[in-house]
Amino acid sequence: AYPEPVRKIIYTTNAIESLNMSLRKI
């Protein structure tokens, strides 16, 4: 139901994945 700009924020991997990667390493 969301337009493309909102979708990109939701499905982009950078927001949570990069954070989790650094935490998992530690």
mmCIF file of all heavy atoms, coordinates in Angstrom:
data_MODEL
# 
_entry.id   MODEL 
# 
loop_
_atom_site.group_PDB 
_atom_site.id 
_atom_site.type_symbol 
_atom_site.label_atom_id 
_atom_site.label_alt_id 
_atom_site.label_comp_id 
_atom_site.label_asym_id 
_atom_site.label_entity_id 
_atom_site.label_seq_id 
_atom_site.pdbx_PDB_ins_code 
_atom_site.Cartn_x 
_atom_site.Cartn_y 
_atom_site.Cartn_z 
_atom_site.occupancy 
_atom_site.B_iso_or_equiv 
_atom_site.pdbx_formal_charge 
_atom_site.auth_seq_id 
_atom_site.auth_comp_id 
_atom_site.auth_asym_id 
_atom_site.auth_atom_id 
_atom_site.pdbx_PDB_model_num 
ATOM 1   N N   . ALA A 1 1  ? 0.822  -1.212  0.000  1.00 0.00 ? 1  ALA A N   1 
ATOM 2   C CA  . ALA A 1 1  ? 0.000  0.000   0.000  1.00 0.00 ? 1  ALA A CA  1 
ATOM 3   C C   . ALA A 1 1  ? 0.854  1.260   0.000  1.00 0.00 ? 1  ALA A C   1 
ATOM 4   O O   . ALA A 1 1  ? 0.350  2.348   -0.252 1.00 0.00 ? 1  ALA A O   1 
ATOM 5   C CB  . ALA A 1 1  ? -0.927 0.001   1.212  1.00 0.00 ? 1  ALA A CB  1 
ATOM 6   N N   . TYR A 1 2  ? 2.156  1.083   0.286  1.00 0.00 ? 2  TYR A N   1 
ATOM 7   C CA  . TYR A 1 2  ? 3.036  2.248   0.383  1.00 0.00 ? 2  TYR A CA  1 
ATOM 8   C C   . TYR A 1 2  ? 3.701  2.547   -0.949 1.00 0.00 ? 2  TYR A C   1 
ATOM 9   O O   . TYR A 1 2  ? 4.050  1.633   -1.708 1.00 0.00 ? 2  TYR A O   1 
ATOM 10  C CB  . TYR A 1 2  ? 4.118  2.015   1.445  1.00 0.00 ? 2  TYR A CB  1 
ATOM 11  C CG  . TYR A 1 2  ? 3.572  1.671   2.804  1.00 0.00 ? 2  TYR A CG  1 
ATOM 12  C CD1 . TYR A 1 2  ? 3.975  0.516   3.462  1.00 0.00 ? 2  TYR A CD1 1 
ATOM 13  C CD2 . TYR A 1 2  ? 2.637  2.491   3.421  1.00 0.00 ? 2  TYR A CD2 1 
ATOM 14  C CE1 . TYR A 1 2  ? 3.463  0.191   4.705  1.00 0.00 ? 2  TYR A CE1 1 
ATOM 15  C CE2 . TYR A 1 2  ? 2.127  2.170   4.668  1.00 0.00 ? 2  TYR A CE2 1 
ATOM 16  C CZ  . TYR A 1 2  ? 2.536  1.020   5.306  1.00 0.00 ? 2  TYR A CZ  1 
ATOM 17  O OH  . TYR A 1 2  ? 2.018  0.701   6.526  1.00 0.00 ? 2  TYR A OH  1 
ATOM 18  N N   . PRO A 1 3  ? 3.899  3.831   -1.252 1.00 0.00 ? 3  PRO A N   1 
ATOM 19  C CA  . PRO A 1 3  ? 4.615  4.197   -2.482 1.00 0.00 ? 3  PRO A CA  1 
ATOM 20  C C   . PRO A 1 3  ? 6.097  3.833   -2.390 1.00 0.00 ? 3  PRO A C   1 
ATOM 21  O O   . PRO A 1 3  ? 6.618  3.532   -1.311 1.00 0.00 ? 3  PRO A O   1 
ATOM 22  C CB  . PRO A 1 3  ? 4.425  5.715   -2.557 1.00 0.00 ? 3  PRO A CB  1 
ATOM 23  C CG  . PRO A 1 3  ? 4.100  6.140   -1.174 1.00 0.00 ? 3  PRO A CG  1 
ATOM 24  C CD  . PRO A 1 3  ? 3.422  4.999   -0.506 1.00 0.00 ? 3  PRO A CD  1 
ATOM 25  N N   . GLU A 1 4  ? 6.779  3.881   -3.513 1.00 0.00 ? 4  GLU A N   1 
ATOM 26  C CA  . GLU A 1 4  ? 8.157  3.407   -3.621 1.00 0.00 ? 4  GLU A CA  1 
ATOM 27  C C   . GLU A 1 4  ? 9.118  4.048   -2.615 1.00 0.00 ? 4  GLU A C   1 
ATOM 28  O O   . GLU A 1 4  ? 9.930  3.329   -2.005 1.00 0.00 ? 4  GLU A O   1 
ATOM 29  C CB  . GLU A 1 4  ? 8.677  3.629   -5.046 1.00 0.00 ? 4  GLU A CB  1 
ATOM 30  C CG  . GLU A 1 4  ? 10.052 3.058   -5.319 1.00 0.00 ? 4  GLU A CG  1 
ATOM 31  C CD  . GLU A 1 4  ? 10.100 1.538   -5.225 1.00 0.00 ? 4  GLU A CD  1 
ATOM 32  O OE1 . GLU A 1 4  ? 9.030  0.895   -5.261 1.00 0.00 ? 4  GLU A OE1 1 
ATOM 33  O OE2 . GLU A 1 4  ? 11.215 1.002   -5.087 1.00 0.00 ? 4  GLU A OE2 1 
ATOM 34  N N   . PRO A 1 5  ? 9.096  5.367   -2.387 1.00 0.00 ? 5  PRO A N   1 
ATOM 35  C CA  . PRO A 1 5  ? 10.052 5.950   -1.425 1.00 0.00 ? 5  PRO A CA  1 
ATOM 36  C C   . PRO A 1 5  ? 9.924  5.368   -0.015 1.00 0.00 ? 5  PRO A C   1 
ATOM 37  O O   . PRO A 1 5  ? 10.924 5.172   0.673  1.00 0.00 ? 5  PRO A O   1 
ATOM 38  C CB  . PRO A 1 5  ? 9.707  7.438   -1.441 1.00 0.00 ? 5  PRO A CB  1 
ATOM 39  C CG  . PRO A 1 5  ? 9.068  7.678   -2.768 1.00 0.00 ? 5  PRO A CG  1 
ATOM 40  C CD  . PRO A 1 5  ? 8.297  6.426   -3.048 1.00 0.00 ? 5  PRO A CD  1 
ATOM 41  N N   . VAL A 1 6  ? 8.671  5.082   0.414  1.00 0.00 ? 6  VAL A N   1 
ATOM 42  C CA  . VAL A 1 6  ? 8.457  4.500   1.742  1.00 0.00 ? 6  VAL A CA  1 
ATOM 43  C C   . VAL A 1 6  ? 8.904  3.040   1.749  1.00 0.00 ? 6  VAL A C   1 
ATOM 44  O O   . VAL A 1 6  ? 9.531  2.571   2.701  1.00 0.00 ? 6  VAL A O   1 
ATOM 45  C CB  . VAL A 1 6  ? 6.975  4.610   2.156  1.00 0.00 ? 6  VAL A CB  1 
ATOM 46  C CG1 . VAL A 1 6  ? 6.742  3.943   3.509  1.00 0.00 ? 6  VAL A CG1 1 
ATOM 47  C CG2 . VAL A 1 6  ? 6.553  6.075   2.204  1.00 0.00 ? 6  VAL A CG2 1 
ATOM 48  N N   . ARG A 1 7  ? 8.622  2.335   0.668  1.00 0.00 ? 7  ARG A N   1 
ATOM 49  C CA  . ARG A 1 7  ? 9.042  0.933   0.574  1.00 0.00 ? 7  ARG A CA  1 
ATOM 50  C C   . ARG A 1 7  ? 10.562 0.808   0.710  1.00 0.00 ? 7  ARG A C   1 
ATOM 51  O O   . ARG A 1 7  ? 11.068 -0.106  1.363  1.00 0.00 ? 7  ARG A O   1 
ATOM 52  C CB  . ARG A 1 7  ? 8.612  0.327   -0.765 1.00 0.00 ? 7  ARG A CB  1 
ATOM 53  C CG  . ARG A 1 7  ? 7.131  0.137   -0.936 1.00 0.00 ? 7  ARG A CG  1 
ATOM 54  C CD  . ARG A 1 7  ? 6.893  -0.699  -2.171 1.00 0.00 ? 7  ARG A CD  1 
ATOM 55  N NE  . ARG A 1 7  ? 5.498  -0.714  -2.578 1.00 0.00 ? 7  ARG A NE  1 
ATOM 56  C CZ  . ARG A 1 7  ? 5.023  -1.481  -3.554 1.00 0.00 ? 7  ARG A CZ  1 
ATOM 57  N NH1 . ARG A 1 7  ? 5.838  -2.291  -4.204 1.00 0.00 ? 7  ARG A NH1 1 
ATOM 58  N NH2 . ARG A 1 7  ? 3.753  -1.444  -3.875 1.00 0.00 ? 7  ARG A NH2 1 
ATOM 59  N N   . LYS A 1 8  ? 11.273 1.707   0.070  1.00 0.00 ? 8  LYS A N   1 
ATOM 60  C CA  . LYS A 1 8  ? 12.740 1.629   0.102  1.00 0.00 ? 8  LYS A CA  1 
ATOM 61  C C   . LYS A 1 8  ? 13.276 1.749   1.525  1.00 0.00 ? 8  LYS A C   1 
ATOM 62  O O   . LYS A 1 8  ? 14.244 1.091   1.888  1.00 0.00 ? 8  LYS A O   1 
ATOM 63  C CB  . LYS A 1 8  ? 13.345 2.726   -0.781 1.00 0.00 ? 8  LYS A CB  1 
ATOM 64  C CG  . LYS A 1 8  ? 13.318 2.406   -2.266 1.00 0.00 ? 8  LYS A CG  1 
ATOM 65  C CD  . LYS A 1 8  ? 14.078 3.446   -3.069 1.00 0.00 ? 8  LYS A CD  1 
ATOM 66  C CE  . LYS A 1 8  ? 14.112 3.068   -4.536 1.00 0.00 ? 8  LYS A CE  1 
ATOM 67  N NZ  . LYS A 1 8  ? 14.863 4.046   -5.350 1.00 0.00 ? 8  LYS A NZ  1 
ATOM 68  N N   . ILE A 1 9  ? 12.624 2.605   2.318  1.00 0.00 ? 9  ILE A N   1 
ATOM 69  C CA  . ILE A 1 9  ? 13.058 2.747   3.714  1.00 0.00 ? 9  ILE A CA  1 
ATOM 70  C C   . ILE A 1 9  ? 12.821 1.447   4.466  1.00 0.00 ? 9  ILE A C   1 
ATOM 71  O O   . ILE A 1 9  ? 13.640 1.010   5.279  1.00 0.00 ? 9  ILE A O   1 
ATOM 72  C CB  . ILE A 1 9  ? 12.300 3.893   4.418  1.00 0.00 ? 9  ILE A CB  1 
ATOM 73  C CG1 . ILE A 1 9  ? 12.504 5.223   3.682  1.00 0.00 ? 9  ILE A CG1 1 
ATOM 74  C CG2 . ILE A 1 9  ? 12.743 4.011   5.875  1.00 0.00 ? 9  ILE A CG2 1 
ATOM 75  C CD1 . ILE A 1 9  ? 13.919 5.737   3.696  1.00 0.00 ? 9  ILE A CD1 1 
ATOM 76  N N   . ILE A 1 10 ? 11.699 0.773   4.171  1.00 0.00 ? 10 ILE A N   1 
ATOM 77  C CA  . ILE A 1 10 ? 11.340 -0.441  4.895  1.00 0.00 ? 10 ILE A CA  1 
ATOM 78  C C   . ILE A 1 10 ? 12.229 -1.616  4.499  1.00 0.00 ? 10 ILE A C   1 
ATOM 79  O O   . ILE A 1 10 ? 12.677 -2.373  5.355  1.00 0.00 ? 10 ILE A O   1 
ATOM 80  C CB  . ILE A 1 10 ? 9.852  -0.789  4.659  1.00 0.00 ? 10 ILE A CB  1 
ATOM 81  C CG1 . ILE A 1 10 ? 8.947  0.292   5.272  1.00 0.00 ? 10 ILE A CG1 1 
ATOM 82  C CG2 . ILE A 1 10 ? 9.518  -2.162  5.233  1.00 0.00 ? 10 ILE A CG2 1 
ATOM 83  C CD1 . ILE A 1 10 ? 7.476  0.104   4.971  1.00 0.00 ? 10 ILE A CD1 1 
ATOM 84  N N   . TYR A 1 11 ? 12.485 -1.787  3.192  1.00 0.00 ? 11 TYR A N   1 
ATOM 85  C CA  . TYR A 1 11 ? 13.201 -3.000  2.795  1.00 0.00 ? 11 TYR A CA  1 
ATOM 86  C C   . TYR A 1 11 ? 14.700 -2.809  2.589  1.00 0.00 ? 11 TYR A C   1 
ATOM 87  O O   . TYR A 1 11 ? 15.403 -3.765  2.273  1.00 0.00 ? 11 TYR A O   1 
ATOM 88  C CB  . TYR A 1 11 ? 12.579 -3.664  1.556  1.00 0.00 ? 11 TYR A CB  1 
ATOM 89  C CG  . TYR A 1 11 ? 12.758 -2.969  0.232  1.00 0.00 ? 11 TYR A CG  1 
ATOM 90  C CD1 . TYR A 1 11 ? 14.016 -2.821  -0.358 1.00 0.00 ? 11 TYR A CD1 1 
ATOM 91  C CD2 . TYR A 1 11 ? 11.658 -2.513  -0.491 1.00 0.00 ? 11 TYR A CD2 1 
ATOM 92  C CE1 . TYR A 1 11 ? 14.161 -2.215  -1.586 1.00 0.00 ? 11 TYR A CE1 1 
ATOM 93  C CE2 . TYR A 1 11 ? 11.792 -1.906  -1.718 1.00 0.00 ? 11 TYR A CE2 1 
ATOM 94  C CZ  . TYR A 1 11 ? 13.047 -1.766  -2.270 1.00 0.00 ? 11 TYR A CZ  1 
ATOM 95  O OH  . TYR A 1 11 ? 13.200 -1.164  -3.498 1.00 0.00 ? 11 TYR A OH  1 
ATOM 96  N N   . THR A 1 12 ? 15.193 -1.601  2.749  1.00 0.00 ? 12 THR A N   1 
ATOM 97  C CA  . THR A 1 12 ? 16.637 -1.435  2.626  1.00 0.00 ? 12 THR A CA  1 
ATOM 98  C C   . THR A 1 12 ? 17.353 -2.257  3.703  1.00 0.00 ? 12 THR A C   1 
ATOM 99  O O   . THR A 1 12 ? 16.919 -2.315  4.839  1.00 0.00 ? 12 THR A O   1 
ATOM 100 C CB  . THR A 1 12 ? 17.052 0.043   2.743  1.00 0.00 ? 12 THR A CB  1 
ATOM 101 O OG1 . THR A 1 12 ? 18.470 0.129   2.616  1.00 0.00 ? 12 THR A OG1 1 
ATOM 102 C CG2 . THR A 1 12 ? 16.665 0.619   4.089  1.00 0.00 ? 12 THR A CG2 1 
ATOM 103 N N   . THR A 1 13 ? 18.444 -2.893  3.330  1.00 0.00 ? 13 THR A N   1 
ATOM 104 C CA  . THR A 1 13 ? 19.170 -3.746  4.272  1.00 0.00 ? 13 THR A CA  1 
ATOM 105 C C   . THR A 1 13 ? 20.127 -2.951  5.149  1.00 0.00 ? 13 THR A C   1 
ATOM 106 O O   . THR A 1 13 ? 20.582 -3.433  6.173  1.00 0.00 ? 13 THR A O   1 
ATOM 107 C CB  . THR A 1 13 ? 19.981 -4.817  3.522  1.00 0.00 ? 13 THR A CB  1 
ATOM 108 O OG1 . THR A 1 13 ? 20.919 -4.171  2.660  1.00 0.00 ? 13 THR A OG1 1 
ATOM 109 C CG2 . THR A 1 13 ? 19.073 -5.712  2.718  1.00 0.00 ? 13 THR A CG2 1 
ATOM 110 N N   . ASN A 1 14 ? 20.438 -1.724  4.750  1.00 0.00 ? 14 ASN A N   1 
ATOM 111 C CA  . ASN A 1 14 ? 21.485 -0.978  5.457  1.00 0.00 ? 14 ASN A CA  1 
ATOM 112 C C   . ASN A 1 14 ? 21.100 -0.619  6.886  1.00 0.00 ? 14 ASN A C   1 
ATOM 113 O O   . ASN A 1 14 ? 21.942 -0.591  7.773  1.00 0.00 ? 14 ASN A O   1 
ATOM 114 C CB  . ASN A 1 14 ? 21.822 0.316   4.699  1.00 0.00 ? 14 ASN A CB  1 
ATOM 115 C CG  . ASN A 1 14 ? 22.513 0.028   3.384  1.00 0.00 ? 14 ASN A CG  1 
ATOM 116 O OD1 . ASN A 1 14 ? 23.124 -1.015  3.220  1.00 0.00 ? 14 ASN A OD1 1 
ATOM 117 N ND2 . ASN A 1 14 ? 22.404 0.950   2.445  1.00 0.00 ? 14 ASN A ND2 1 
ATOM 118 N N   . ALA A 1 15 ? 19.811 -0.331  7.112  1.00 0.00 ? 15 ALA A N   1 
ATOM 119 C CA  . ALA A 1 15 ? 19.391 0.211   8.408  1.00 0.00 ? 15 ALA A CA  1 
ATOM 120 C C   . ALA A 1 15 ? 19.693 -0.738  9.554  1.00 0.00 ? 15 ALA A C   1 
ATOM 121 O O   . ALA A 1 15 ? 20.351 -0.369  10.520 1.00 0.00 ? 15 ALA A O   1 
ATOM 122 C CB  . ALA A 1 15 ? 17.900 0.548   8.370  1.00 0.00 ? 15 ALA A CB  1 
ATOM 123 N N   . ILE A 1 16 ? 19.213 -1.969  9.448  1.00 0.00 ? 16 ILE A N   1 
ATOM 124 C CA  . ILE A 1 16 ? 19.337 -2.883  10.570 1.00 0.00 ? 16 ILE A CA  1 
ATOM 125 C C   . ILE A 1 16 ? 20.454 -3.903  10.367 1.00 0.00 ? 16 ILE A C   1 
ATOM 126 O O   . ILE A 1 16 ? 21.076 -4.362  11.320 1.00 0.00 ? 16 ILE A O   1 
ATOM 127 C CB  . ILE A 1 16 ? 17.984 -3.598  10.836 1.00 0.00 ? 16 ILE A CB  1 
ATOM 128 C CG1 . ILE A 1 16 ? 17.954 -4.227  12.224 1.00 0.00 ? 16 ILE A CG1 1 
ATOM 129 C CG2 . ILE A 1 16 ? 17.677 -4.620  9.757  1.00 0.00 ? 16 ILE A CG2 1 
ATOM 130 C CD1 . ILE A 1 16 ? 17.871 -3.219  13.351 1.00 0.00 ? 16 ILE A CD1 1 
ATOM 131 N N   . GLU A 1 17 ? 20.726 -4.264  9.106  1.00 0.00 ? 17 GLU A N   1 
ATOM 132 C CA  . GLU A 1 17 ? 21.695 -5.327  8.854  1.00 0.00 ? 17 GLU A CA  1 
ATOM 133 C C   . GLU A 1 17 ? 23.125 -4.923  9.228  1.00 0.00 ? 17 GLU A C   1 
ATOM 134 O O   . GLU A 1 17 ? 23.867 -5.708  9.814  1.00 0.00 ? 17 GLU A O   1 
ATOM 135 C CB  . GLU A 1 17 ? 21.647 -5.743  7.372  1.00 0.00 ? 17 GLU A CB  1 
ATOM 136 C CG  . GLU A 1 17 ? 20.401 -6.517  7.011  1.00 0.00 ? 17 GLU A CG  1 
ATOM 137 C CD  . GLU A 1 17 ? 20.305 -7.832  7.783  1.00 0.00 ? 17 GLU A CD  1 
ATOM 138 O OE1 . GLU A 1 17 ? 21.086 -8.749  7.511  1.00 0.00 ? 17 GLU A OE1 1 
ATOM 139 O OE2 . GLU A 1 17 ? 19.451 -7.914  8.677  1.00 0.00 ? 17 GLU A OE2 1 
ATOM 140 N N   . SER A 1 18 ? 23.531 -3.707  8.882  1.00 0.00 ? 18 SER A N   1 
ATOM 141 C CA  . SER A 1 18 ? 24.889 -3.280  9.210  1.00 0.00 ? 18 SER A CA  1 
ATOM 142 C C   . SER A 1 18 ? 25.069 -3.168  10.719 1.00 0.00 ? 18 SER A C   1 
ATOM 143 O O   . SER A 1 18 ? 26.134 -3.483  11.256 1.00 0.00 ? 18 SER A O   1 
ATOM 144 C CB  . SER A 1 18 ? 25.204 -1.938  8.539  1.00 0.00 ? 18 SER A CB  1 
ATOM 145 O OG  . SER A 1 18 ? 24.292 -0.938  8.961  1.00 0.00 ? 18 SER A OG  1 
ATOM 146 N N   . LEU A 1 19 ? 24.008 -2.738  11.411 1.00 0.00 ? 19 LEU A N   1 
ATOM 147 C CA  . LEU A 1 19 ? 24.061 -2.643  12.871 1.00 0.00 ? 19 LEU A CA  1 
ATOM 148 C C   . LEU A 1 19 ? 24.193 -4.033  13.485 1.00 0.00 ? 19 LEU A C   1 
ATOM 149 O O   . LEU A 1 19 ? 25.036 -4.274  14.352 1.00 0.00 ? 19 LEU A O   1 
ATOM 150 C CB  . LEU A 1 19 ? 22.800 -1.943  13.387 1.00 0.00 ? 19 LEU A CB  1 
ATOM 151 C CG  . LEU A 1 19 ? 22.683 -1.767  14.901 1.00 0.00 ? 19 LEU A CG  1 
ATOM 152 C CD1 . LEU A 1 19 ? 23.827 -0.914  15.433 1.00 0.00 ? 19 LEU A CD1 1 
ATOM 153 C CD2 . LEU A 1 19 ? 21.342 -1.137  15.255 1.00 0.00 ? 19 LEU A CD2 1 
ATOM 154 N N   . ASN A 1 20 ? 23.373 -4.967  13.008 1.00 0.00 ? 20 ASN A N   1 
ATOM 155 C CA  . ASN A 1 20 ? 23.424 -6.326  13.538 1.00 0.00 ? 20 ASN A CA  1 
ATOM 156 C C   . ASN A 1 20 ? 24.762 -7.000  13.265 1.00 0.00 ? 20 ASN A C   1 
ATOM 157 O O   . ASN A 1 20 ? 25.266 -7.763  14.090 1.00 0.00 ? 20 ASN A O   1 
ATOM 158 C CB  . ASN A 1 20 ? 22.291 -7.164  12.941 1.00 0.00 ? 20 ASN A CB  1 
ATOM 159 C CG  . ASN A 1 20 ? 20.947 -6.874  13.580 1.00 0.00 ? 20 ASN A CG  1 
ATOM 160 O OD1 . ASN A 1 20 ? 20.884 -6.201  14.607 1.00 0.00 ? 20 ASN A OD1 1 
ATOM 161 N ND2 . ASN A 1 20 ? 19.885 -7.354  12.984 1.00 0.00 ? 20 ASN A ND2 1 
ATOM 162 N N   . MET A 1 21 ? 25.325 -6.706  12.106 1.00 0.00 ? 21 MET A N   1 
ATOM 163 C CA  . MET A 1 21 ? 26.603 -7.320  11.746 1.00 0.00 ? 21 MET A CA  1 
ATOM 164 C C   . MET A 1 21 ? 27.697 -6.937  12.739 1.00 0.00 ? 21 MET A C   1 
ATOM 165 O O   . MET A 1 21 ? 28.468 -7.781  13.199 1.00 0.00 ? 21 MET A O   1 
ATOM 166 C CB  . MET A 1 21 ? 27.006 -6.895  10.330 1.00 0.00 ? 21 MET A CB  1 
ATOM 167 C CG  . MET A 1 21 ? 28.192 -7.673  9.768  1.00 0.00 ? 21 MET A CG  1 
ATOM 168 S SD  . MET A 1 21 ? 28.610 -7.123  8.089  1.00 0.00 ? 21 MET A SD  1 
ATOM 169 C CE  . MET A 1 21 ? 27.075 -7.489  7.235  1.00 0.00 ? 21 MET A CE  1 
ATOM 170 N N   . SER A 1 22 ? 27.752 -5.649  13.089 1.00 0.00 ? 22 SER A N   1 
ATOM 171 C CA  . SER A 1 22 ? 28.776 -5.194  14.033 1.00 0.00 ? 22 SER A CA  1 
ATOM 172 C C   . SER A 1 22 ? 28.530 -5.766  15.429 1.00 0.00 ? 22 SER A C   1 
ATOM 173 O O   . SER A 1 22 ? 29.475 -6.135  16.138 1.00 0.00 ? 22 SER A O   1 
ATOM 174 C CB  . SER A 1 22 ? 28.810 -3.662  14.087 1.00 0.00 ? 22 SER A CB  1 
ATOM 175 O OG  . SER A 1 22 ? 27.570 -3.142  14.535 1.00 0.00 ? 22 SER A OG  1 
ATOM 176 N N   . LEU A 1 23 ? 27.256 -5.886  15.833 1.00 0.00 ? 23 LEU A N   1 
ATOM 177 C CA  . LEU A 1 23 ? 26.941 -6.445  17.149 1.00 0.00 ? 23 LEU A CA  1 
ATOM 178 C C   . LEU A 1 23 ? 27.253 -7.939  17.202 1.00 0.00 ? 23 LEU A C   1 
ATOM 179 O O   . LEU A 1 23 ? 27.787 -8.434  18.197 1.00 0.00 ? 23 LEU A O   1 
ATOM 180 C CB  . LEU A 1 23 ? 25.471 -6.205  17.488 1.00 0.00 ? 23 LEU A CB  1 
ATOM 181 C CG  . LEU A 1 23 ? 25.040 -4.745  17.662 1.00 0.00 ? 23 LEU A CG  1 
ATOM 182 C CD1 . LEU A 1 23 ? 23.559 -4.667  17.981 1.00 0.00 ? 23 LEU A CD1 1 
ATOM 183 C CD2 . LEU A 1 23 ? 25.845 -4.051  18.744 1.00 0.00 ? 23 LEU A CD2 1 
ATOM 184 N N   . ARG A 1 24 ? 26.926 -8.660  16.131 1.00 0.00 ? 24 ARG A N   1 
ATOM 185 C CA  . ARG A 1 24 ? 27.194 -10.107 16.115 1.00 0.00 ? 24 ARG A CA  1 
ATOM 186 C C   . ARG A 1 24 ? 28.696 -10.390 16.192 1.00 0.00 ? 24 ARG A C   1 
ATOM 187 O O   . ARG A 1 24 ? 29.113 -11.374 16.808 1.00 0.00 ? 24 ARG A O   1 
ATOM 188 C CB  . ARG A 1 24 ? 26.606 -10.734 14.842 1.00 0.00 ? 24 ARG A CB  1 
ATOM 189 C CG  . ARG A 1 24 ? 25.095 -10.874 14.874 1.00 0.00 ? 24 ARG A CG  1 
ATOM 190 C CD  . ARG A 1 24 ? 24.603 -11.781 13.756 1.00 0.00 ? 24 ARG A CD  1 
ATOM 191 N NE  . ARG A 1 24 ? 23.152 -11.827 13.730 1.00 0.00 ? 24 ARG A NE  1 
ATOM 192 C CZ  . ARG A 1 24 ? 22.395 -11.108 12.924 1.00 0.00 ? 24 ARG A CZ  1 
ATOM 193 N NH1 . ARG A 1 24 ? 22.961 -10.283 12.050 1.00 0.00 ? 24 ARG A NH1 1 
ATOM 194 N NH2 . ARG A 1 24 ? 21.080 -11.200 12.964 1.00 0.00 ? 24 ARG A NH2 1 
ATOM 195 N N   . LYS A 1 25 ? 29.479 -9.557  15.550 1.00 0.00 ? 25 LYS A N   1 
ATOM 196 C CA  . LYS A 1 25 ? 30.929 -9.742  15.588 1.00 0.00 ? 25 LYS A CA  1 
ATOM 197 C C   . LYS A 1 25 ? 31.454 -9.628  17.013 1.00 0.00 ? 25 LYS A C   1 
ATOM 198 O O   . LYS A 1 25 ? 32.279 -10.434 17.463 1.00 0.00 ? 25 LYS A O   1 
ATOM 199 C CB  . LYS A 1 25 ? 31.605 -8.697  14.690 1.00 0.00 ? 25 LYS A CB  1 
ATOM 200 C CG  . LYS A 1 25 ? 33.114 -8.846  14.602 1.00 0.00 ? 25 LYS A CG  1 
ATOM 201 C CD  . LYS A 1 25 ? 33.706 -7.804  13.675 1.00 0.00 ? 25 LYS A CD  1 
ATOM 202 C CE  . LYS A 1 25 ? 35.229 -7.939  13.628 1.00 0.00 ? 25 LYS A CE  1 
ATOM 203 N NZ  . LYS A 1 25 ? 35.831 -6.907  12.731 1.00 0.00 ? 25 LYS A NZ  1 
ATOM 204 N N   . ILE A 1 26 ? 30.961 -8.648  17.741 1.00 0.00 ? 26 ILE A N   1 
ATOM 205 C CA  . ILE A 1 26 ? 31.387 -8.454  19.128 1.00 0.00 ? 26 ILE A CA  1 
ATOM 206 C C   . ILE A 1 26 ? 30.893 -9.590  20.016 1.00 0.00 ? 26 ILE A C   1 
ATOM 207 O O   . ILE A 1 26 ? 31.627 -10.103 20.863 1.00 0.00 ? 26 ILE A O   1 
ATOM 208 C CB  . ILE A 1 26 ? 30.885 -7.088  19.643 1.00 0.00 ? 26 ILE A CB  1 
ATOM 209 C CG1 . ILE A 1 26 ? 31.654 -5.960  18.950 1.00 0.00 ? 26 ILE A CG1 1 
ATOM 210 C CG2 . ILE A 1 26 ? 31.024 -6.983  21.153 1.00 0.00 ? 26 ILE A CG2 1 
ATOM 211 C CD1 . ILE A 1 26 ? 31.097 -4.596  19.214 1.00 0.00 ? 26 ILE A CD1 1 
# 
